[in-house]
Amino acid sequence: MSLWTLLISLLLVAAVIAYVGDVVGRRVGRRHLRLFGLRPRATALVVAVATGVLIALLAFAAFFFLATDARKTILEAEQVRKERDQLRGEVERLGGHVSELEARAARALGESERLERELAAKAEALKLAEEEIRKLQGEKELLQQAVEETRKQLEEREVELGRVRAEVERISAERQALEAEFDALQQNQVLLLEDLDKLRQAEAEAIRRAELAQKQTEEAEATARQAQARLRAIQKEIDALEQERQRLLGDITTLDAERQALEEQRNALREVNRRLQDQLAAANQEVFDLKQELLRLSQERSAMERGLEVLRRQLSNDLKDTVLAEGRWTSGPLQPVLDGVVHQAEVQARVEGFHGVLVPEDLPVADWRAPGVIQARAEGVTLDGKVLLQVRYVPKEKRFVIGQVIAVRELPPPRYQPERVRRGLEALREASFERLLKAGVLPEKVTAADLSGAVIADFQGQISELTHNVVVAVVAADDIWTTETPQLIYQVLYVP
């Protein structure tokens, strides 16, 4: 029933009830009837008041039974209010959930970057540790060679020292033999001196007996000369033996000095060997520590690789179907446009913190015909931090003409149920978007269509005075192409 029919019906009912009440009041007044013992004037007043009350009740009853939407609104007002409050709470909860998801995504991205930096630092430290291990192994080999050479030199020195000791013992034995011989010569010298004294005595006696035995005197003189010559020879031998003894004493001193030098050198070699053993033990301990550190770094690297794998999967899910680059191919060769789109995707991926992109090799470019749009979408993230691209080509084709209805919906009276009207307009928008997507229009272009909340509020304000159901449609304001942003408007099609 229309608004004018409802108003006319209410007016007719009110007029009939007023007329009947006036007739009843006049008859009651003329007959001077009394109700409940009241005076006739009071009785007429009661009848007039009852008539007014009856007019209001019957008018409300007629409105309630004739206006179906109003009756539904009145009966469902409390439920609609509860639904509104519930939906508002749901919207706030979803808004908080979206904010939380965005914050989690930002934290996950920051954690991914931090883990990548830590992984790079650990990898660099691992390389340095491996280089240090190789260097220490080289030093260890050099130290082992030096220890072997030192050990050989020490053995040669010990052999030389044994030979020198044997030589010293031999020289000591010779010196003892020479000293014994020297003592024997000294004893002989004493005996010769005694003989000389005896000879001198014999010479004196011979001189005294010169006159007696000239021949004996001459023999005694000859014997004395021989004895003197022998004495001088023995003296010369004594001097030579003394010189030999002094030379041997010098050799012994030199050998003792060499022996002390060899002892000091051996002690020094032992000290060097001890230091080399300590350095070798320290190097072995350092190698063991480095191996433990390497094992720990390997474990940390495995843990980080597992974390990076989880982050990579999460990033793959988050980046899936994200448009990194887009290019229009109007005419001419295809390859420059395709290369430009891939280059833009490469730059965008590196700006986002990835290591580049991977382009599929088997692109069906033979089926592509200009004009159209080439899009590079993110399919996922590889283990080495590169974005796997999905290259998609959408030809430019007309799907809807200007004025064509995209989606249609009947809405309740905007004046009495504005919240349901708003939800209906939003559902109408979603239905039109779904139809555009099914028709092949790019999702990014559909999302950019200007049917925002402000447009819905403006259109709802235009129809806010309507008190009955209304049929509303989303209409193409211009020709709609698959590669262009669609121009859409709300339009009233029918008012029952």
Protein backbone atom coordinates (compact mmCIF):
# COMPACT_ATOMS: atom_id res chain seq x y z
CA MET A 1 0.00 0.00 0.00
CA SER A 2 1.31 3.45 -0.94
CA LEU A 3 1.76 6.38 1.42
CA TRP A 4 -1.11 8.40 -0.03
CA THR A 5 -3.52 5.48 0.19
CA LEU A 6 -2.53 4.96 3.82
CA LEU A 7 -3.03 8.65 4.67
CA ILE A 8 -6.42 8.79 2.93
CA SER A 9 -7.55 5.63 4.74
CA LEU A 10 -6.48 7.06 8.11
CA LEU A 11 -8.31 10.35 7.39
CA LEU A 12 -11.49 8.51 6.40
CA VAL A 13 -11.42 6.37 9.53
CA ALA A 14 -10.79 9.42 11.73
CA ALA A 15 -13.62 11.39 10.02
CA VAL A 16 -16.11 8.51 10.41
CA ILE A 17 -15.21 8.05 14.09
CA ALA A 18 -15.44 11.83 14.71
CA TYR A 19 -18.84 11.99 13.02
CA VAL A 20 -20.13 9.02 14.97
CA GLY A 21 -18.80 10.52 18.21
CA ASP A 22 -20.40 13.88 17.45
CA VAL A 23 -23.77 12.23 16.69
CA VAL A 24 -23.56 10.16 19.87
CA GLY A 25 -22.60 13.24 21.91
CA ARG A 26 -25.47 15.32 20.56
CA ARG A 27 -27.98 12.53 21.20
CA VAL A 28 -26.68 12.07 24.69
CA GLY A 29 -26.94 15.84 25.24
CA ARG A 30 -30.49 16.09 23.87
CA ARG A 31 -31.70 13.15 25.90
CA HIS A 32 -29.90 14.36 29.01
CA LEU A 33 -28.47 10.92 29.63
CA ARG A 34 -26.46 10.29 32.75
CA LEU A 35 -23.58 7.86 32.99
CA PHE A 36 -22.49 6.65 36.39
CA GLY A 37 -24.67 9.34 37.99
CA LEU A 38 -22.86 12.22 36.27
CA ARG A 39 -24.48 15.35 35.02
CA PRO A 40 -25.55 15.48 31.34
CA ARG A 41 -22.79 17.96 30.48
CA ALA A 42 -20.18 15.78 32.18
CA THR A 43 -21.65 12.76 30.44
CA ALA A 44 -21.31 14.54 27.04
CA LEU A 45 -17.67 15.43 27.90
CA VAL A 46 -16.92 11.82 28.78
CA VAL A 47 -18.42 10.70 25.48
CA ALA A 48 -16.35 13.28 23.58
CA VAL A 49 -13.14 12.20 25.35
CA ALA A 50 -13.90 8.54 24.74
CA THR A 51 -14.56 9.36 21.10
CA GLY A 52 -11.11 11.06 20.83
CA VAL A 53 -9.45 8.11 22.48
CA LEU A 54 -11.27 5.76 20.16
CA ILE A 55 -10.18 7.86 17.17
CA ALA A 56 -6.50 7.57 18.25
CA LEU A 57 -6.77 3.83 18.93
CA LEU A 58 -8.55 3.06 15.69
CA ALA A 59 -6.17 5.29 13.69
CA PHE A 60 -3.16 3.51 15.22
CA ALA A 61 -4.80 0.11 14.62
CA ALA A 62 -5.56 1.01 11.01
CA PHE A 63 -1.97 2.27 10.54
CA PHE A 64 -0.61 -0.84 12.23
CA PHE A 65 -2.61 -3.28 10.11
CA LEU A 66 -2.53 -1.35 6.83
CA ALA A 67 1.22 -0.39 6.88
CA THR A 68 2.97 -3.78 6.77
CA ASP A 69 6.52 -2.34 6.80
CA ALA A 70 5.69 -0.09 9.74
CA ARG A 71 4.25 -3.07 11.63
CA LYS A 72 7.41 -5.09 10.91
CA THR A 73 9.57 -2.16 11.96
CA ILE A 74 7.71 -1.74 15.24
CA LEU A 75 7.69 -5.45 16.02
CA GLU A 76 11.32 -5.97 15.02
CA ALA A 77 12.67 -2.71 16.47
CA GLU A 78 14.25 -4.30 19.53
CA GLN A 79 15.74 -7.16 17.50
CA VAL A 80 17.04 -4.74 14.86
CA ARG A 81 18.60 -2.62 17.60
CA LYS A 82 20.28 -5.69 19.11
CA GLU A 83 21.54 -6.73 15.66
CA ARG A 84 22.85 -3.23 15.08
CA ASP A 85 24.70 -3.20 18.42
CA GLN A 86 26.00 -6.72 17.75
CA LEU A 87 27.20 -5.77 14.26
CA ARG A 88 28.84 -2.63 15.61
CA GLY A 89 30.65 -4.72 18.21
CA GLU A 90 31.62 -7.21 15.49
CA VAL A 91 32.91 -4.37 13.31
CA GLU A 92 34.98 -3.00 16.20
CA ARG A 93 36.28 -6.50 17.01
CA LEU A 94 37.18 -7.13 13.37
CA GLY A 95 38.83 -3.73 13.19
CA GLY A 96 40.94 -4.58 16.24
CA HIS A 97 41.70 -8.00 14.74
CA VAL A 98 42.76 -6.35 11.47
CA SER A 99 44.98 -3.92 13.39
CA GLU A 100 46.46 -6.84 15.33
CA LEU A 101 47.07 -8.77 12.10
CA GLU A 102 48.72 -5.72 10.52
CA ALA A 103 50.90 -5.28 13.63
CA ARG A 104 51.77 -8.99 13.55
CA ALA A 105 52.62 -8.75 9.87
CA ALA A 106 54.84 -5.72 10.57
CA ARG A 107 56.51 -7.57 13.47
CA ALA A 108 56.95 -10.65 11.32
CA LEU A 109 58.53 -8.58 8.56
CA GLY A 110 60.86 -6.86 11.05
CA GLU A 111 61.73 -10.22 12.63
CA SER A 112 62.42 -11.62 9.14
CA GLU A 113 64.76 -8.73 8.35
CA ARG A 114 66.47 -9.10 11.75
CA LEU A 115 66.91 -12.85 11.25
CA GLU A 116 68.30 -12.29 7.76
CA ARG A 117 70.82 -9.79 9.16
CA GLU A 118 71.73 -12.16 12.02
CA LEU A 119 72.02 -15.03 9.55
CA ALA A 120 74.30 -12.95 7.32
CA ALA A 121 76.40 -11.97 10.39
CA LYS A 122 76.55 -15.61 11.58
CA ALA A 123 77.48 -16.76 8.09
CA GLU A 124 80.25 -14.14 7.97
CA ALA A 125 81.45 -15.19 11.43
CA LEU A 126 81.33 -18.81 10.28
CA LYS A 127 83.46 -17.98 7.25
CA LEU A 128 85.94 -16.10 9.47
CA ALA A 129 86.01 -19.05 11.90
CA GLU A 130 86.62 -21.49 9.05
CA GLU A 131 89.42 -19.28 7.70
CA GLU A 132 90.88 -19.03 11.23
CA ILE A 133 90.70 -22.82 11.58
CA ARG A 134 92.48 -23.29 8.26
CA LYS A 135 95.09 -20.74 9.33
CA LEU A 136 95.56 -22.46 12.71
CA GLN A 137 95.85 -25.83 10.99
CA GLY A 138 98.55 -24.37 8.73
CA GLU A 139 100.32 -22.92 11.78
CA LYS A 140 99.92 -26.28 13.52
CA GLU A 141 101.59 -28.06 10.61
CA LEU A 142 104.37 -25.46 10.59
CA LEU A 143 104.79 -25.87 14.35
CA GLN A 144 104.88 -29.64 13.99
CA GLN A 145 107.54 -29.31 11.27
CA ALA A 146 109.48 -26.91 13.49
CA VAL A 147 109.17 -29.34 16.43
CA GLU A 148 110.41 -32.22 14.23
CA GLU A 149 113.34 -30.13 12.98
CA THR A 150 114.10 -29.01 16.53
CA ARG A 151 113.93 -32.62 17.73
CA LYS A 152 116.30 -33.68 14.95
CA GLN A 153 118.68 -30.83 15.77
CA LEU A 154 118.49 -31.77 19.46
CA GLU A 155 119.30 -35.38 18.64
CA GLU A 156 122.20 -34.25 16.47
CA ARG A 157 123.38 -31.97 19.30
CA GLU A 158 123.11 -34.82 21.77
CA VAL A 159 125.10 -37.06 19.41
CA GLU A 160 127.67 -34.27 19.00
CA LEU A 161 127.70 -33.74 22.77
CA GLY A 162 128.33 -37.46 23.31
CA ARG A 163 131.14 -37.36 20.79
CA VAL A 164 132.59 -34.27 22.54
CA ARG A 165 132.24 -35.97 25.90
CA ALA A 166 134.11 -39.01 24.56
CA GLU A 167 136.77 -36.70 23.14
CA VAL A 168 137.00 -34.90 26.51
CA GLU A 169 137.34 -38.21 28.32
CA ARG A 170 140.02 -39.31 25.83
CA ILE A 171 141.87 -36.01 26.28
CA SER A 172 141.51 -36.36 30.07
CA ALA A 173 142.99 -39.86 29.88
CA GLU A 174 145.83 -38.55 27.71
CA ARG A 175 146.36 -35.68 30.11
CA GLN A 176 146.52 -38.12 33.02
CA ALA A 177 148.96 -40.27 31.07
CA LEU A 178 151.08 -37.16 30.27
CA GLU A 179 150.95 -36.06 33.87
CA ALA A 180 152.10 -39.54 34.94
CA GLU A 181 154.87 -39.40 32.33
CA PHE A 182 155.74 -35.89 33.51
CA ASP A 183 155.95 -37.14 37.07
CA ALA A 184 158.16 -39.95 35.91
CA LEU A 185 160.39 -37.43 34.09
CA GLN A 186 160.58 -35.31 37.20
CA GLN A 187 161.60 -38.35 39.13
CA ASN A 188 164.21 -39.09 36.46
CA GLN A 189 165.37 -35.49 36.68
CA VAL A 190 165.79 -35.87 40.42
CA LEU A 191 167.72 -39.07 39.85
CA LEU A 192 169.85 -37.29 37.21
CA LEU A 193 170.49 -34.42 39.57
CA GLU A 194 171.50 -36.92 42.16
CA ASP A 195 173.71 -38.55 39.57
CA LEU A 196 175.07 -35.11 38.69
CA ASP A 197 175.91 -34.51 42.31
CA LYS A 198 177.55 -37.86 42.42
CA LEU A 199 179.44 -37.04 39.22
CA ARG A 200 180.50 -33.74 40.61
CA GLN A 201 181.69 -35.47 43.68
CA ALA A 202 183.38 -37.98 41.48
CA GLU A 203 184.84 -35.11 39.43
CA ALA A 204 186.16 -33.48 42.56
CA GLU A 205 187.52 -36.77 43.58
CA ALA A 206 188.91 -37.23 40.10
CA ILE A 207 190.49 -33.78 40.23
CA ARG A 208 192.04 -34.69 43.49
CA ARG A 209 193.09 -37.89 41.87
CA ALA A 210 194.06 -36.14 38.59
CA GLU A 211 197.54 -36.72 39.09
CA LEU A 212 196.79 -40.33 39.78
CA ALA A 213 194.42 -41.18 37.01
CA GLN A 214 194.48 -38.78 34.04
CA LYS A 215 192.74 -41.30 31.96
CA GLN A 216 189.90 -41.66 34.44
CA THR A 217 189.61 -37.86 34.56
CA GLU A 218 189.18 -37.59 30.82
CA GLU A 219 186.56 -40.36 30.89
CA ALA A 220 184.79 -38.61 33.77
CA GLU A 221 184.79 -35.32 31.85
CA ALA A 222 183.35 -37.08 28.80
CA THR A 223 180.73 -38.71 30.97
CA ALA A 224 179.97 -35.31 32.55
CA ARG A 225 179.59 -33.71 29.12
CA GLN A 226 177.27 -36.50 28.03
CA ALA A 227 175.31 -36.15 31.23
CA GLN A 228 175.01 -32.38 30.73
CA ALA A 229 173.86 -32.89 27.13
CA ARG A 230 171.36 -35.47 28.29
CA LEU A 231 170.26 -33.10 31.06
CA ARG A 232 169.66 -30.29 28.53
CA ALA A 233 167.71 -32.67 26.27
CA ILE A 234 165.62 -33.79 29.24
CA GLN A 235 165.06 -30.09 30.15
CA LYS A 236 163.89 -29.37 26.61
CA GLU A 237 161.54 -32.38 26.76
CA ILE A 238 160.20 -31.09 30.09
CA ASP A 239 159.57 -27.63 28.56
CA ALA A 240 157.80 -29.22 25.55
CA LEU A 241 155.71 -31.37 27.85
CA GLU A 242 154.84 -28.27 29.89
CA GLN A 243 153.73 -26.45 26.72
CA GLU A 244 151.71 -29.49 25.65
CA ARG A 245 150.19 -29.59 29.12
CA GLN A 246 149.24 -25.88 28.89
CA ARG A 247 147.77 -26.46 25.42
CA LEU A 248 145.78 -29.44 26.69
CA LEU A 249 144.55 -27.40 29.65
CA GLY A 250 143.37 -24.69 27.16
CA ASP A 251 141.67 -27.32 25.04
CA ILE A 252 139.99 -28.70 28.13
CA THR A 253 138.80 -25.19 29.09
CA THR A 254 137.52 -24.64 25.54
CA LEU A 255 135.78 -28.00 25.57
CA ASP A 256 134.23 -27.19 28.94
CA ALA A 257 132.99 -23.87 27.55
CA GLU A 258 131.61 -25.63 24.47
CA ARG A 259 130.01 -28.23 26.69
CA GLN A 260 128.39 -25.48 28.81
CA ALA A 261 127.24 -23.73 25.60
CA LEU A 262 125.81 -27.00 24.32
CA GLU A 263 124.08 -27.54 27.68
CA GLU A 264 122.63 -24.02 27.51
CA GLN A 265 121.58 -24.59 23.88
CA ARG A 266 119.98 -27.90 24.84
CA ASN A 267 118.16 -26.21 27.72
CA ALA A 268 117.05 -23.46 25.33
CA LEU A 269 115.88 -26.07 22.83
CA ARG A 270 114.01 -27.84 25.62
CA GLU A 271 112.39 -24.52 26.59
CA VAL A 272 111.47 -23.86 22.95
CA ASN A 273 110.10 -27.36 22.69
CA ARG A 274 108.07 -26.83 25.85
CA ARG A 275 106.73 -23.52 24.51
CA LEU A 276 105.92 -25.20 21.21
CA GLN A 277 104.12 -27.98 23.08
CA ASP A 278 102.18 -25.36 25.05
CA GLN A 279 101.34 -23.46 21.85
CA LEU A 280 100.32 -26.71 20.19
CA ALA A 281 98.08 -27.59 23.16
CA ALA A 282 96.61 -24.07 23.10
CA ALA A 283 96.09 -24.37 19.34
CA ASN A 284 94.40 -27.74 19.80
CA GLN A 285 92.20 -26.28 22.54
CA GLU A 286 91.39 -23.31 20.33
CA VAL A 287 90.57 -25.65 17.45
CA PHE A 288 88.31 -27.62 19.80
CA ASP A 289 86.64 -24.39 20.96
CA LEU A 290 86.23 -23.28 17.36
CA LYS A 291 84.69 -26.64 16.48
CA GLN A 292 82.28 -26.28 19.40
CA GLU A 293 81.49 -22.72 18.28
CA LEU A 294 81.07 -23.99 14.73
CA LEU A 295 78.69 -26.68 15.97
CA ARG A 296 76.74 -24.09 17.96
CA LEU A 297 76.64 -21.78 14.96
CA SER A 298 75.48 -24.67 12.80
CA GLN A 299 72.68 -25.40 15.26
CA GLU A 300 71.74 -21.73 15.38
CA ARG A 301 71.90 -21.63 11.62
CA SER A 302 69.59 -24.65 11.39
CA ALA A 303 67.18 -23.02 13.84
CA MET A 304 67.30 -19.75 11.91
CA GLU A 305 66.83 -21.61 8.64
CA ARG A 306 63.74 -23.29 10.12
CA GLY A 307 62.49 -19.89 11.31
CA LEU A 308 63.27 -18.40 7.93
CA GLU A 309 61.37 -21.25 6.27
CA VAL A 310 58.32 -20.47 8.42
CA LEU A 311 58.69 -16.77 7.65
CA ARG A 312 59.19 -17.58 3.99
CA ARG A 313 55.96 -19.55 3.93
CA GLN A 314 54.16 -16.76 5.77
CA LEU A 315 55.58 -14.19 3.37
CA SER A 316 54.60 -16.41 0.45
CA ASN A 317 51.04 -16.54 1.75
CA ASP A 318 51.00 -12.79 2.43
CA LEU A 319 52.51 -11.88 -0.94
CA LYS A 320 50.44 -14.30 -2.99
CA ASP A 321 48.57 -12.52 -5.81
CA THR A 322 50.20 -9.17 -4.91
CA VAL A 323 50.76 -7.07 -8.04
CA LEU A 324 54.40 -5.95 -8.14
CA ALA A 325 54.36 -4.32 -11.59
CA GLU A 326 51.97 -3.60 -14.44
CA GLY A 327 52.47 -2.51 -18.02
CA ARG A 328 50.15 -1.68 -20.89
CA TRP A 329 50.74 -3.19 -24.30
CA THR A 330 48.93 -1.10 -26.89
CA SER A 331 50.81 -2.03 -30.05
CA GLY A 332 54.26 -2.87 -31.38
CA PRO A 333 56.59 -5.63 -30.16
CA LEU A 334 55.74 -7.42 -26.92
CA GLN A 335 59.24 -8.14 -25.55
CA PRO A 336 60.18 -4.53 -24.52
CA VAL A 337 56.91 -4.17 -22.57
CA LEU A 338 57.43 -7.58 -20.93
CA ASP A 339 61.03 -6.74 -20.03
CA GLY A 340 59.91 -3.42 -18.56
CA VAL A 341 57.31 -5.13 -16.37
CA VAL A 342 59.87 -7.70 -15.14
CA HIS A 343 62.36 -4.89 -14.43
CA GLN A 344 59.75 -2.96 -12.42
CA ALA A 345 58.93 -6.11 -10.47
CA GLU A 346 62.66 -6.65 -9.82
CA VAL A 347 63.03 -3.10 -8.50
CA GLN A 348 59.88 -3.35 -6.37
CA ALA A 349 60.98 -6.69 -4.90
CA ARG A 350 64.40 -5.31 -3.98
CA VAL A 351 62.77 -2.21 -2.46
CA GLU A 352 60.64 -4.56 -0.33
CA GLY A 353 63.83 -6.26 0.92
CA PHE A 354 63.97 -9.37 -1.30
CA HIS A 355 66.91 -10.59 -3.40
CA GLY A 356 65.24 -10.30 -6.78
CA VAL A 357 62.64 -12.19 -8.80
CA LEU A 358 62.34 -15.45 -10.72
CA VAL A 359 60.40 -15.36 -13.98
CA PRO A 360 58.76 -18.53 -15.35
CA GLU A 361 60.26 -19.63 -18.64
CA ASP A 362 57.22 -21.10 -20.38
CA LEU A 363 55.07 -17.98 -20.89
CA PRO A 364 52.29 -18.45 -23.52
CA VAL A 365 53.22 -15.20 -25.29
CA ALA A 366 52.14 -16.62 -28.65
CA ASP A 367 48.49 -16.36 -27.55
CA TRP A 368 48.76 -12.73 -26.43
CA ARG A 369 47.21 -10.04 -28.64
CA ALA A 370 47.38 -6.30 -28.17
CA PRO A 371 45.96 -4.22 -26.61
CA GLY A 372 46.04 -5.43 -23.04
CA VAL A 373 47.72 -5.28 -19.64
CA ILE A 374 50.69 -7.38 -18.47
CA GLN A 375 50.84 -7.94 -14.71
CA ALA A 376 53.63 -9.41 -12.60
CA ARG A 377 52.10 -10.99 -9.50
CA ALA A 378 53.91 -12.53 -6.54
CA GLU A 379 53.41 -16.29 -6.42
CA GLY A 380 55.69 -16.97 -3.43
CA VAL A 381 59.21 -16.62 -1.99
CA THR A 382 62.08 -19.04 -2.73
CA LEU A 383 64.66 -20.28 -0.21
CA ASP A 384 67.26 -17.78 -1.43
CA GLY A 385 64.94 -14.82 -0.82
CA LYS A 386 63.72 -14.29 -4.38
CA VAL A 387 60.11 -13.61 -5.34
CA LEU A 388 58.58 -16.16 -7.71
CA LEU A 389 56.62 -14.21 -10.32
CA GLN A 390 53.37 -15.11 -12.05
CA VAL A 391 53.17 -13.14 -15.28
CA ARG A 392 49.56 -12.65 -16.34
CA TYR A 393 48.19 -11.05 -19.50
CA VAL A 394 44.65 -9.61 -19.62
CA PRO A 395 43.42 -8.40 -23.04
CA LYS A 396 41.46 -5.16 -23.16
CA GLU A 397 37.83 -6.20 -23.82
CA LYS A 398 34.52 -4.46 -23.26
CA ARG A 399 32.30 -6.27 -20.76
CA PHE A 400 29.49 -3.81 -20.00
CA VAL A 401 28.10 -0.77 -21.83
CA ILE A 402 27.07 2.54 -20.31
CA GLY A 403 23.79 2.31 -18.42
CA GLN A 404 23.87 -1.49 -18.10
CA VAL A 405 22.69 -2.86 -14.75
CA ILE A 406 25.42 -4.74 -12.91
CA ALA A 407 23.46 -5.82 -9.82
CA VAL A 408 19.97 -5.09 -8.42
CA ARG A 409 18.34 -5.42 -4.98
CA GLU A 410 15.09 -4.47 -3.25
CA LEU A 411 15.59 -2.42 -0.08
CA PRO A 412 13.22 -1.73 2.84
CA PRO A 413 11.79 1.78 3.44
CA PRO A 414 14.83 4.03 3.87
CA ARG A 415 13.04 6.37 6.26
CA TYR A 416 12.20 3.69 8.80
CA GLN A 417 15.05 1.19 8.39
CA PRO A 418 18.21 3.16 7.49
CA GLU A 419 20.57 0.56 8.95
CA ARG A 420 19.12 -2.26 6.87
CA VAL A 421 19.20 0.01 3.82
CA ARG A 422 22.90 0.68 4.42
CA ARG A 423 23.63 -3.05 4.74
CA GLY A 424 21.61 -3.69 1.61
CA LEU A 425 23.62 -1.09 -0.33
CA GLU A 426 26.86 -2.67 0.87
CA ALA A 427 25.62 -6.12 -0.16
CA LEU A 428 24.63 -4.67 -3.54
CA ARG A 429 28.14 -3.28 -3.92
CA GLU A 430 29.68 -6.66 -3.11
CA ALA A 431 27.37 -8.40 -5.60
CA SER A 432 28.36 -5.93 -8.34
CA PHE A 433 32.05 -6.43 -7.55
CA GLU A 434 31.62 -10.21 -7.70
CA ARG A 435 29.93 -9.97 -11.10
CA LEU A 436 32.70 -7.70 -12.43
CA LEU A 437 35.32 -10.20 -11.24
CA LYS A 438 33.47 -13.06 -12.92
CA ALA A 439 33.34 -10.98 -16.10
CA GLY A 440 37.15 -10.83 -16.15
CA VAL A 441 37.78 -7.29 -14.89
CA LEU A 442 41.11 -7.02 -13.05
CA PRO A 443 40.66 -7.33 -9.26
CA GLU A 444 42.74 -4.22 -8.63
CA LYS A 445 40.52 -2.21 -10.97
CA VAL A 446 37.36 -3.56 -9.30
CA THR A 447 38.67 -2.66 -5.86
CA ALA A 448 39.42 0.88 -7.08
CA ALA A 449 35.78 1.40 -8.17
CA ASP A 450 34.31 4.43 -6.38
CA LEU A 451 31.55 2.83 -4.30
CA SER A 452 33.00 3.74 -0.93
CA GLY A 453 31.15 4.39 2.30
CA ALA A 454 30.89 8.07 1.48
CA VAL A 455 29.13 7.29 -1.83
CA ILE A 456 26.76 4.92 -0.01
CA ALA A 457 26.01 7.56 2.64
CA ASP A 458 25.36 10.20 -0.05
CA PHE A 459 22.97 7.95 -1.99
CA GLN A 460 21.25 6.89 1.23
CA GLY A 461 20.70 10.55 2.04
CA GLN A 462 19.07 11.03 -1.36
CA ILE A 463 16.48 8.30 -0.71
CA SER A 464 16.12 8.83 3.04
CA GLU A 465 12.61 10.34 2.72
CA LEU A 466 11.11 7.30 0.96
CA THR A 467 8.71 5.42 3.25
CA HIS A 468 8.26 2.29 1.20
CA ASN A 469 10.35 -0.42 -0.39
CA VAL A 470 12.64 0.66 -3.21
CA VAL A 471 14.46 -1.27 -5.93
CA VAL A 472 18.06 -0.04 -6.31
CA ALA A 473 20.69 -1.12 -8.84
CA VAL A 474 24.41 -0.57 -9.49
CA VAL A 475 24.66 0.80 -13.02
CA ALA A 476 27.68 1.31 -15.31
CA ALA A 477 28.30 5.05 -15.62
CA ASP A 478 30.54 4.40 -18.62
CA ASP A 479 31.66 1.48 -20.75
CA ILE A 480 33.45 -1.07 -18.58
CA TRP A 481 36.66 -2.69 -19.89
CA THR A 482 38.60 -5.55 -18.38
CA THR A 483 41.76 -3.44 -17.91
CA GLU A 484 40.19 -0.15 -16.75
CA THR A 485 38.73 1.02 -13.46
CA PRO A 486 34.93 0.69 -13.75
CA GLN A 487 32.76 3.78 -13.23
CA LEU A 488 29.73 2.70 -11.16
CA ILE A 489 26.77 4.55 -9.61
CA TYR A 490 23.75 3.70 -7.48
CA GLN A 491 20.43 4.26 -9.20
CA VAL A 492 16.79 3.83 -8.14
CA LEU A 493 15.02 1.58 -10.64
CA TYR A 494 11.57 1.13 -9.22
CA VAL A 495 9.38 2.44 -6.42
CA PRO A 496 6.38 0.19 -5.70
